[in-house]
Amino acid sequence: MQPEQPTECRYFVSYTGIKLPLKLVNEISEVGLLNRNTYYRGYFDNQDRLLLCQKIVYGEVESEHQYEYYANGALKDAKITEDDEVRKVNFNELGEMV
């Protein structure tokens, strides 16, 4: 994904919760990646909203979540790619799955 708005790339050990968007936790530096086989790469907009989350395993993207938001900040949709399968989940302006 090539987000059209300015983004910041950060790295994490894991995520928490089951609701979308994923909440990435235990941020690590790029130097910290040298000792890891698996980590999450997150791209955030200038409002610190997660736009793209990639699970990296041995240097390859294993799964990916792309998120879009309504103007009010609620999650609009999520495009989830796992094992070459793509699934799209839509939400209303209240952030409820539809």
C-alpha atoms as a PDB file:
ATOM      1  CA  MET A   1       0.000   0.000   0.000  1.00  0.00           C
ATOM      2  CA  GLN A   2       1.226   3.456  -0.854  1.00  0.00           C
ATOM      3  CA  PRO A   3      -0.716   5.792   1.436  1.00  0.00           C
ATOM      4  CA  GLU A   4      -1.448   9.179  -0.134  1.00  0.00           C
ATOM      5  CA  GLN A   5      -0.965  11.058   3.121  1.00  0.00           C
ATOM      6  CA  PRO A   6       2.224  11.520   5.127  1.00  0.00           C
ATOM      7  CA  THR A   7       3.040   8.396   7.126  1.00  0.00           C
ATOM      8  CA  GLU A   8       5.424   7.313   9.815  1.00  0.00           C
ATOM      9  CA  CYS A   9       6.788   3.765   9.906  1.00  0.00           C
ATOM     10  CA  ARG A  10       7.265   2.161  13.334  1.00  0.00           C
ATOM     11  CA  TYR A  11       8.031  -1.392  14.480  1.00  0.00           C
ATOM     12  CA  PHE A  12       6.374  -3.511  17.177  1.00  0.00           C
ATOM     13  CA  VAL A  13       6.729  -6.899  18.836  1.00  0.00           C
ATOM     14  CA  SER A  14       3.027  -7.763  18.901  1.00  0.00           C
ATOM     15  CA  TYR A  15      -0.564  -6.531  19.013  1.00  0.00           C
ATOM     16  CA  THR A  16      -3.357  -6.702  21.565  1.00  0.00           C
ATOM     17  CA  GLY A  17      -7.110  -7.137  21.380  1.00  0.00           C
ATOM     18  CA  ILE A  18      -9.387  -8.626  18.765  1.00  0.00           C
ATOM     19  CA  LYS A  19     -11.119  -5.497  17.472  1.00  0.00           C
ATOM     20  CA  LEU A  20      -9.986  -3.654  14.374  1.00  0.00           C
ATOM     21  CA  PRO A  21      -7.830  -1.739  13.846  1.00  0.00           C
ATOM     22  CA  LEU A  22      -5.158  -3.809  15.549  1.00  0.00           C
ATOM     23  CA  LYS A  23      -3.438  -2.135  18.487  1.00  0.00           C
ATOM     24  CA  LEU A  24       0.300  -2.617  18.066  1.00  0.00           C
ATOM     25  CA  VAL A  25       2.273  -2.923  21.315  1.00  0.00           C
ATOM     26  CA  ASN A  26       5.871  -3.061  22.556  1.00  0.00           C
ATOM     27  CA  GLU A  27       7.464  -0.690  20.074  1.00  0.00           C
ATOM     28  CA  ILE A  28      11.043  -1.486  19.070  1.00  0.00           C
ATOM     29  CA  SER A  29      13.697   0.444  17.168  1.00  0.00           C
ATOM     30  CA  GLU A  30      15.034  -0.509  13.752  1.00  0.00           C
ATOM     31  CA  VAL A  31      18.191  -1.710  15.492  1.00  0.00           C
ATOM     32  CA  GLY A  32      16.007  -4.013  17.613  1.00  0.00           C
ATOM     33  CA  LEU A  33      14.850  -5.768  14.434  1.00  0.00           C
ATOM     34  CA  LEU A  34      18.288  -7.324  13.974  1.00  0.00           C
ATOM     35  CA  ASN A  35      17.536  -9.849  16.723  1.00  0.00           C
ATOM     36  CA  ARG A  36      13.978 -10.688  15.633  1.00  0.00           C
ATOM     37  CA  ASN A  37      12.565 -13.167  13.135  1.00  0.00           C
ATOM     38  CA  THR A  38       8.993 -11.880  13.506  1.00  0.00           C
ATOM     39  CA  TYR A  39       7.682  -8.354  14.073  1.00  0.00           C
ATOM     40  CA  TYR A  40       4.937  -5.956  13.010  1.00  0.00           C
ATOM     41  CA  ARG A  41       5.566  -2.926  10.802  1.00  0.00           C
ATOM     42  CA  GLY A  42       2.991  -0.167  11.175  1.00  0.00           C
ATOM     43  CA  TYR A  43       2.442   2.938   9.065  1.00  0.00           C
ATOM     44  CA  PHE A  44       0.646   5.765  10.846  1.00  0.00           C
ATOM     45  CA  ASP A  45      -0.862   9.036   9.637  1.00  0.00           C
ATOM     46  CA  ASN A  46      -0.264  12.429  11.248  1.00  0.00           C
ATOM     47  CA  GLN A  47      -3.169  11.705  13.632  1.00  0.00           C
ATOM     48  CA  ASP A  48      -1.424   8.504  14.812  1.00  0.00           C
ATOM     49  CA  ARG A  49      -4.049   6.299  13.132  1.00  0.00           C
ATOM     50  CA  LEU A  50      -2.780   2.970  11.855  1.00  0.00           C
ATOM     51  CA  LEU A  51      -3.078   2.896   8.047  1.00  0.00           C
ATOM     52  CA  LEU A  52      -1.133  -0.246   7.222  1.00  0.00           C
ATOM     53  CA  CYS A  53       0.025  -3.100   9.439  1.00  0.00           C
ATOM     54  CA  GLN A  54       2.288  -5.845   8.124  1.00  0.00           C
ATOM     55  CA  LYS A  55       3.380  -8.980   9.944  1.00  0.00           C
ATOM     56  CA  ILE A  56       6.967  -9.650   8.886  1.00  0.00           C
ATOM     57  CA  VAL A  57       8.337 -13.182   9.262  1.00  0.00           C
ATOM     58  CA  TYR A  58      11.930 -13.878   8.205  1.00  0.00           C
ATOM     59  CA  GLY A  59      11.934 -10.705   6.106  1.00  0.00           C
ATOM     60  CA  GLU A  60       8.729 -11.521   4.184  1.00  0.00           C
ATOM     61  CA  VAL A  61       5.250  -9.999   4.581  1.00  0.00           C
ATOM     62  CA  GLU A  62       3.096 -12.826   5.961  1.00  0.00           C
ATOM     63  CA  SER A  63      -0.117 -10.847   6.452  1.00  0.00           C
ATOM     64  CA  GLU A  64      -1.308  -7.290   6.000  1.00  0.00           C
ATOM     65  CA  HIS A  65      -4.109  -5.032   7.213  1.00  0.00           C
ATOM     66  CA  GLN A  66      -4.969  -1.803   5.366  1.00  0.00           C
ATOM     67  CA  TYR A  67      -7.301   0.640   7.116  1.00  0.00           C
ATOM     68  CA  GLU A  68      -9.368   3.614   5.971  1.00  0.00           C
ATOM     69  CA  TYR A  69     -11.145   6.038   8.291  1.00  0.00           C
ATOM     70  CA  TYR A  70     -14.135   8.372   8.162  1.00  0.00           C
ATOM     71  CA  ALA A  71     -13.550  12.102   8.709  1.00  0.00           C
ATOM     72  CA  ASN A  72     -14.789  11.634  12.302  1.00  0.00           C
ATOM     73  CA  GLY A  73     -11.924   9.173  12.954  1.00  0.00           C
ATOM     74  CA  ALA A  74     -14.063   6.001  13.010  1.00  0.00           C
ATOM     75  CA  LEU A  75     -12.784   3.001  11.070  1.00  0.00           C
ATOM     76  CA  LYS A  76     -14.410   2.905   7.612  1.00  0.00           C
ATOM     77  CA  ASP A  77     -13.026  -0.347   6.232  1.00  0.00           C
ATOM     78  CA  ALA A  78     -10.290  -2.902   6.654  1.00  0.00           C
ATOM     79  CA  LYS A  79      -8.680  -4.909   3.870  1.00  0.00           C
ATOM     80  CA  ILE A  80      -7.048  -8.010   5.338  1.00  0.00           C
ATOM     81  CA  THR A  81      -4.621 -10.110   3.296  1.00  0.00           C
ATOM     82  CA  GLU A  82      -3.537 -13.510   4.634  1.00  0.00           C
ATOM     83  CA  ASP A  83      -2.242 -16.517   2.683  1.00  0.00           C
ATOM     84  CA  ASP A  84      -2.980 -14.762  -0.634  1.00  0.00           C
ATOM     85  CA  GLU A  85      -6.641 -14.361   0.385  1.00  0.00           C
ATOM     86  CA  VAL A  86      -8.097 -10.864   0.635  1.00  0.00           C
ATOM     87  CA  ARG A  87     -11.068 -10.057   2.851  1.00  0.00           C
ATOM     88  CA  LYS A  88     -12.699  -6.643   3.195  1.00  0.00           C
ATOM     89  CA  VAL A  89     -14.623  -5.613   6.306  1.00  0.00           C
ATOM     90  CA  ASN A  90     -16.820  -2.501   6.244  1.00  0.00           C
ATOM     91  CA  PHE A  91     -17.903  -0.296   9.137  1.00  0.00           C
ATOM     92  CA  ASN A  92     -20.488   2.449   9.542  1.00  0.00           C
ATOM     93  CA  GLU A  93     -19.678   5.966  10.760  1.00  0.00           C
ATOM     94  CA  LEU A  94     -20.104   4.790  14.354  1.00  0.00           C
ATOM     95  CA  GLY A  95     -17.329   2.238  13.835  1.00  0.00           C
ATOM     96  CA  GLU A  96     -19.739  -0.726  13.906  1.00  0.00           C
ATOM     97  CA  MET A  97     -19.174  -3.619  11.500  1.00  0.00           C
ATOM     98  CA  VAL A  98     -21.769  -3.772   8.702  1.00  0.00           C
END
